[in-house]
Amino acid sequence: MLEYSYLDLYLPRGTSRETARRVLTEHAEYGHWELDLLRLYPDGRRYVRLRRKILRVASTL
């Protein structure tokens, strides 16, 4: 069974679409995160939940 680690991001209402895209792209490329949930509220705030797989390494000894 897969296990995931989650990261919650809150972007304020003044954040442009381009800035939000850049932040999410950097997390995806360098931190190996993927988009799990995106909420855009009527006042312009954004709530983003990112996830990535937790890798469990078994000992080979």
PDB file of N, CA and C in Angstrom:
ATOM      1  N   MET A   1       0.835  -1.182   0.000  1.00  0.00           N
ATOM      2  CA  MET A   1       0.000   0.000   0.000  1.00  0.00           C
ATOM      3  C   MET A   1       0.882   1.249   0.000  1.00  0.00           C
ATOM      4  N   LEU A   2       0.505   2.220  -0.792  1.00  0.00           N
ATOM      5  CA  LEU A   2       1.268   3.454  -0.883  1.00  0.00           C
ATOM      6  C   LEU A   2       0.960   4.378   0.288  1.00  0.00           C
ATOM      7  N   GLU A   3       1.994   5.029   0.764  1.00  0.00           N
ATOM      8  CA  GLU A   3       1.827   6.050   1.796  1.00  0.00           C
ATOM      9  C   GLU A   3       2.314   7.369   1.217  1.00  0.00           C
ATOM     10  N   TYR A   4       1.639   8.432   1.612  1.00  0.00           N
ATOM     11  CA  TYR A   4       1.972   9.749   1.101  1.00  0.00           C
ATOM     12  C   TYR A   4       2.305  10.705   2.236  1.00  0.00           C
ATOM     13  N   SER A   5       3.140  11.667   1.915  1.00  0.00           N
ATOM     14  CA  SER A   5       3.440  12.784   2.783  1.00  0.00           C
ATOM     15  C   SER A   5       2.730  13.996   2.175  1.00  0.00           C
ATOM     16  N   TYR A   6       2.155  14.852   3.004  1.00  0.00           N
ATOM     17  CA  TYR A   6       1.375  15.987   2.511  1.00  0.00           C
ATOM     18  C   TYR A   6       2.001  17.310   2.936  1.00  0.00           C
ATOM     19  N   LEU A   7       1.834  18.308   2.076  1.00  0.00           N
ATOM     20  CA  LEU A   7       2.297  19.667   2.342  1.00  0.00           C
ATOM     21  C   LEU A   7       1.153  20.615   2.013  1.00  0.00           C
ATOM     22  N   ASP A   8       0.732  21.409   2.983  1.00  0.00           N
ATOM     23  CA  ASP A   8      -0.346  22.383   2.781  1.00  0.00           C
ATOM     24  C   ASP A   8       0.255  23.762   2.539  1.00  0.00           C
ATOM     25  N   LEU A   9      -0.215  24.414   1.482  1.00  0.00           N
ATOM     26  CA  LEU A   9       0.213  25.766   1.157  1.00  0.00           C
ATOM     27  C   LEU A   9      -1.003  26.680   1.141  1.00  0.00           C
ATOM     28  N   TYR A  10      -0.854  27.859   1.693  1.00  0.00           N
ATOM     29  CA  TYR A  10      -1.899  28.864   1.664  1.00  0.00           C
ATOM     30  C   TYR A  10      -1.347  30.068   0.925  1.00  0.00           C
ATOM     31  N   LEU A  11      -1.962  30.421  -0.193  1.00  0.00           N
ATOM     32  CA  LEU A  11      -1.519  31.562  -0.978  1.00  0.00           C
ATOM     33  C   LEU A  11      -2.508  32.705  -0.764  1.00  0.00           C
ATOM     34  N   PRO A  12      -2.028  33.888  -0.377  1.00  0.00           N
ATOM     35  CA  PRO A  12      -2.938  35.002  -0.087  1.00  0.00           C
ATOM     36  C   PRO A  12      -3.654  35.493  -1.339  1.00  0.00           C
ATOM     37  N   ARG A  13      -4.677  36.285  -1.127  1.00  0.00           N
ATOM     38  CA  ARG A  13      -5.532  36.689  -2.236  1.00  0.00           C
ATOM     39  C   ARG A  13      -4.851  37.605  -3.242  1.00  0.00           C
ATOM     40  N   GLY A  14      -3.768  38.248  -2.886  1.00  0.00           N
ATOM     41  CA  GLY A  14      -3.067  39.121  -3.817  1.00  0.00           C
ATOM     42  C   GLY A  14      -2.100  38.390  -4.740  1.00  0.00           C
ATOM     43  N   THR A  15      -1.977  37.092  -4.570  1.00  0.00           N
ATOM     44  CA  THR A  15      -1.040  36.307  -5.358  1.00  0.00           C
ATOM     45  C   THR A  15      -1.561  36.146  -6.784  1.00  0.00           C
ATOM     46  N   SER A  16      -0.724  36.486  -7.746  1.00  0.00           N
ATOM     47  CA  SER A  16      -1.144  36.357  -9.148  1.00  0.00           C
ATOM     48  C   SER A  16      -1.123  34.893  -9.578  1.00  0.00           C
ATOM     49  N   ARG A  17      -1.810  34.607 -10.654  1.00  0.00           N
ATOM     50  CA  ARG A  17      -1.850  33.253 -11.190  1.00  0.00           C
ATOM     51  C   ARG A  17      -0.448  32.797 -11.602  1.00  0.00           C
ATOM     52  N   GLU A  18       0.328  33.687 -12.176  1.00  0.00           N
ATOM     53  CA  GLU A  18       1.689  33.362 -12.617  1.00  0.00           C
ATOM     54  C   GLU A  18       2.587  33.025 -11.423  1.00  0.00           C
ATOM     55  N   THR A  19       2.478  33.775 -10.348  1.00  0.00           N
ATOM     56  CA  THR A  19       3.277  33.510  -9.151  1.00  0.00           C
ATOM     57  C   THR A  19       2.883  32.173  -8.526  1.00  0.00           C
ATOM     58  N   ALA A  20       1.593  31.898  -8.455  1.00  0.00           N
ATOM     59  CA  ALA A  20       1.131  30.613  -7.921  1.00  0.00           C
ATOM     60  C   ALA A  20       1.655  29.459  -8.772  1.00  0.00           C
ATOM     61  N   ARG A  21       1.613  29.611 -10.074  1.00  0.00           N
ATOM     62  CA  ARG A  21       2.122  28.579 -10.983  1.00  0.00           C
ATOM     63  C   ARG A  21       3.606  28.345 -10.762  1.00  0.00           C
ATOM     64  N   ARG A  22       4.365  29.422 -10.590  1.00  0.00           N
ATOM     65  CA  ARG A  22       5.802  29.313 -10.382  1.00  0.00           C
ATOM     66  C   ARG A  22       6.123  28.583  -9.070  1.00  0.00           C
ATOM     67  N   VAL A  23       5.405  28.915  -8.002  1.00  0.00           N
ATOM     68  CA  VAL A  23       5.618  28.262  -6.703  1.00  0.00           C
ATOM     69  C   VAL A  23       5.333  26.771  -6.803  1.00  0.00           C
ATOM     70  N   LEU A  24       4.212  26.414  -7.412  1.00  0.00           N
ATOM     71  CA  LEU A  24       3.844  25.002  -7.531  1.00  0.00           C
ATOM     72  C   LEU A  24       4.798  24.245  -8.452  1.00  0.00           C
ATOM     73  N   THR A  25       5.265  24.883  -9.500  1.00  0.00           N
ATOM     74  CA  THR A  25       6.222  24.246 -10.408  1.00  0.00           C
ATOM     75  C   THR A  25       7.537  23.959  -9.703  1.00  0.00           C
ATOM     76  N   GLU A  26       8.022  24.891  -8.897  1.00  0.00           N
ATOM     77  CA  GLU A  26       9.271  24.670  -8.165  1.00  0.00           C
ATOM     78  C   GLU A  26       9.141  23.520  -7.168  1.00  0.00           C
ATOM     79  N   HIS A  27       8.005  23.443  -6.471  1.00  0.00           N
ATOM     80  CA  HIS A  27       7.798  22.331  -5.544  1.00  0.00           C
ATOM     81  C   HIS A  27       7.758  21.000  -6.291  1.00  0.00           C
ATOM     82  N   ALA A  28       7.131  20.999  -7.461  1.00  0.00           N
ATOM     83  CA  ALA A  28       7.005  19.761  -8.228  1.00  0.00           C
ATOM     84  C   ALA A  28       8.354  19.312  -8.780  1.00  0.00           C
ATOM     85  N   GLU A  29       9.136  20.239  -9.318  1.00  0.00           N
ATOM     86  CA  GLU A  29      10.400  19.869  -9.950  1.00  0.00           C
ATOM     87  C   GLU A  29      11.477  19.502  -8.947  1.00  0.00           C
ATOM     88  N   TYR A  30      11.613  20.283  -7.900  1.00  0.00           N
ATOM     89  CA  TYR A  30      12.735  20.084  -6.982  1.00  0.00           C
ATOM     90  C   TYR A  30      12.386  19.261  -5.752  1.00  0.00           C
ATOM     91  N   GLY A  31      11.121  19.221  -5.360  1.00  0.00           N
ATOM     92  CA  GLY A  31      10.737  18.465  -4.176  1.00  0.00           C
ATOM     93  C   GLY A  31       9.959  17.205  -4.495  1.00  0.00           C
ATOM     94  N   HIS A  32       9.697  16.966  -5.788  1.00  0.00           N
ATOM     95  CA  HIS A  32       8.964  15.783  -6.251  1.00  0.00           C
ATOM     96  C   HIS A  32       7.550  15.721  -5.683  1.00  0.00           C
ATOM     97  N   TRP A  33       6.918  16.873  -5.536  1.00  0.00           N
ATOM     98  CA  TRP A  33       5.540  16.944  -5.051  1.00  0.00           C
ATOM     99  C   TRP A  33       4.599  16.896  -6.241  1.00  0.00           C
ATOM    100  N   GLU A  34       3.386  16.400  -6.012  1.00  0.00           N
ATOM    101  CA  GLU A  34       2.336  16.433  -7.031  1.00  0.00           C
ATOM    102  C   GLU A  34       1.085  17.051  -6.412  1.00  0.00           C
ATOM    103  N   LEU A  35       0.249  17.622  -7.256  1.00  0.00           N
ATOM    104  CA  LEU A  35      -0.945  18.312  -6.794  1.00  0.00           C
ATOM    105  C   LEU A  35      -1.992  17.302  -6.332  1.00  0.00           C
ATOM    106  N   ASP A  36      -2.492  17.480  -5.125  1.00  0.00           N
ATOM    107  CA  ASP A  36      -3.544  16.624  -4.586  1.00  0.00           C
ATOM    108  C   ASP A  36      -4.874  17.372  -4.543  1.00  0.00           C
ATOM    109  N   LEU A  37      -4.842  18.649  -4.143  1.00  0.00           N
ATOM    110  CA  LEU A  37      -6.076  19.414  -3.983  1.00  0.00           C
ATOM    111  C   LEU A  37      -5.772  20.887  -4.192  1.00  0.00           C
ATOM    112  N   LEU A  38      -6.669  21.577  -4.887  1.00  0.00           N
ATOM    113  CA  LEU A  38      -6.559  23.021  -5.053  1.00  0.00           C
ATOM    114  C   LEU A  38      -7.927  23.624  -4.823  1.00  0.00           C
ATOM    115  N   ARG A  39      -8.009  24.578  -3.901  1.00  0.00           N
ATOM    116  CA  ARG A  39      -9.250  25.295  -3.641  1.00  0.00           C
ATOM    117  C   ARG A  39      -9.014  26.773  -3.884  1.00  0.00           C
ATOM    118  N   LEU A  40      -9.870  27.353  -4.670  1.00  0.00           N
ATOM    119  CA  LEU A  40      -9.833  28.792  -4.920  1.00  0.00           C
ATOM    120  C   LEU A  40     -11.083  29.381  -4.279  1.00  0.00           C
ATOM    121  N   TYR A  41     -10.903  30.219  -3.278  1.00  0.00           N
ATOM    122  CA  TYR A  41     -12.014  30.801  -2.550  1.00  0.00           C
ATOM    123  C   TYR A  41     -12.525  32.056  -3.261  1.00  0.00           C
ATOM    124  N   PRO A  42     -13.776  32.437  -3.025  1.00  0.00           N
ATOM    125  CA  PRO A  42     -14.361  33.607  -3.705  1.00  0.00           C
ATOM    126  C   PRO A  42     -13.585  34.908  -3.485  1.00  0.00           C
ATOM    127  N   ASP A  43     -12.902  35.037  -2.342  1.00  0.00           N
ATOM    128  CA  ASP A  43     -12.148  36.266  -2.092  1.00  0.00           C
ATOM    129  C   ASP A  43     -10.762  36.239  -2.724  1.00  0.00           C
ATOM    130  N   GLY A  44     -10.395  35.148  -3.406  1.00  0.00           N
ATOM    131  CA  GLY A  44      -9.126  35.076  -4.125  1.00  0.00           C
ATOM    132  C   GLY A  44      -8.051  34.264  -3.445  1.00  0.00           C
ATOM    133  N   ARG A  45      -8.265  33.832  -2.196  1.00  0.00           N
ATOM    134  CA  ARG A  45      -7.277  32.998  -1.511  1.00  0.00           C
ATOM    135  C   ARG A  45      -7.207  31.637  -2.190  1.00  0.00           C
ATOM    136  N   ARG A  46      -6.026  31.010  -2.095  1.00  0.00           N
ATOM    137  CA  ARG A  46      -5.853  29.665  -2.629  1.00  0.00           C
ATOM    138  C   ARG A  46      -5.336  28.752  -1.526  1.00  0.00           C
ATOM    139  N   TYR A  47      -5.917  27.569  -1.464  1.00  0.00           N
ATOM    140  CA  TYR A  47      -5.435  26.518  -0.569  1.00  0.00           C
ATOM    141  C   TYR A  47      -4.985  25.379  -1.464  1.00  0.00           C
ATOM    142  N   VAL A  48      -3.732  24.962  -1.286  1.00  0.00           N
ATOM    143  CA  VAL A  48      -3.152  23.912  -2.126  1.00  0.00           C
ATOM    144  C   VAL A  48      -2.615  22.816  -1.227  1.00  0.00           C
ATOM    145  N   ARG A  49      -2.948  21.564  -1.539  1.00  0.00           N
ATOM    146  CA  ARG A  49      -2.368  20.423  -0.838  1.00  0.00           C
ATOM    147  C   ARG A  49      -1.555  19.630  -1.865  1.00  0.00           C
ATOM    148  N   LEU A  50      -0.272  19.471  -1.543  1.00  0.00           N
ATOM    149  CA  LEU A  50       0.627  18.693  -2.384  1.00  0.00           C
ATOM    150  C   LEU A  50       0.925  17.373  -1.690  1.00  0.00           C
ATOM    151  N   ARG A  51       1.255  16.358  -2.456  1.00  0.00           N
ATOM    152  CA  ARG A  51       1.600  15.069  -1.860  1.00  0.00           C
ATOM    153  C   ARG A  51       2.779  14.459  -2.610  1.00  0.00           C
ATOM    154  N   ARG A  52       3.496  13.576  -1.904  1.00  0.00           N
ATOM    155  CA  ARG A  52       4.548  12.778  -2.528  1.00  0.00           C
ATOM    156  C   ARG A  52       4.630  11.444  -1.819  1.00  0.00           C
ATOM    157  N   LYS A  53       5.097  10.460  -2.541  1.00  0.00           N
ATOM    158  CA  LYS A  53       5.170   9.106  -2.006  1.00  0.00           C
ATOM    159  C   LYS A  53       6.258   9.020  -0.948  1.00  0.00           C
ATOM    160  N   ILE A  54       5.984   8.237   0.089  1.00  0.00           N
ATOM    161  CA  ILE A  54       6.982   7.940   1.105  1.00  0.00           C
ATOM    162  C   ILE A  54       7.637   6.632   0.692  1.00  0.00           C
ATOM    163  N   LEU A  55       8.927   6.668   0.489  1.00  0.00           N
ATOM    164  CA  LEU A  55       9.650   5.470   0.073  1.00  0.00           C
ATOM    165  C   LEU A  55      10.216   4.774   1.288  1.00  0.00           C
ATOM    166  N   ARG A  56       9.837   3.549   1.470  1.00  0.00           N
ATOM    167  CA  ARG A  56      10.350   2.723   2.558  1.00  0.00           C
ATOM    168  C   ARG A  56      11.409   1.788   1.988  1.00  0.00           C
ATOM    169  N   VAL A  57      12.604   1.871   2.497  1.00  0.00           N
ATOM    170  CA  VAL A  57      13.694   1.041   2.004  1.00  0.00           C
ATOM    171  C   VAL A  57      13.890  -0.125   2.960  1.00  0.00           C
ATOM    172  N   ALA A  58      13.834  -1.330   2.429  1.00  0.00           N
ATOM    173  CA  ALA A  58      14.034  -2.528   3.239  1.00  0.00           C
ATOM    174  C   ALA A  58      15.535  -2.816   3.333  1.00  0.00           C
ATOM    175  N   SER A  59      15.955  -3.222   4.488  1.00  0.00           N
ATOM    176  CA  SER A  59      17.361  -3.557   4.694  1.00  0.00           C
ATOM    177  C   SER A  59      17.713  -4.828   3.924  1.00  0.00           C
ATOM    178  N   THR A  60      18.891  -4.849   3.334  1.00  0.00           N
ATOM    179  CA  THR A  60      19.318  -6.019   2.559  1.00  0.00           C
ATOM    180  C   THR A  60      20.336  -6.865   3.322  1.00  0.00           C
ATOM    181  N   LEU A  61      20.518  -6.578   4.582  1.00  0.00           N
ATOM    182  CA  LEU A  61      21.489  -7.341   5.372  1.00  0.00           C
ATOM    183  C   LEU A  61      20.951  -8.664   5.828  1.00  0.00           C
TER     184      LEU A  61
END
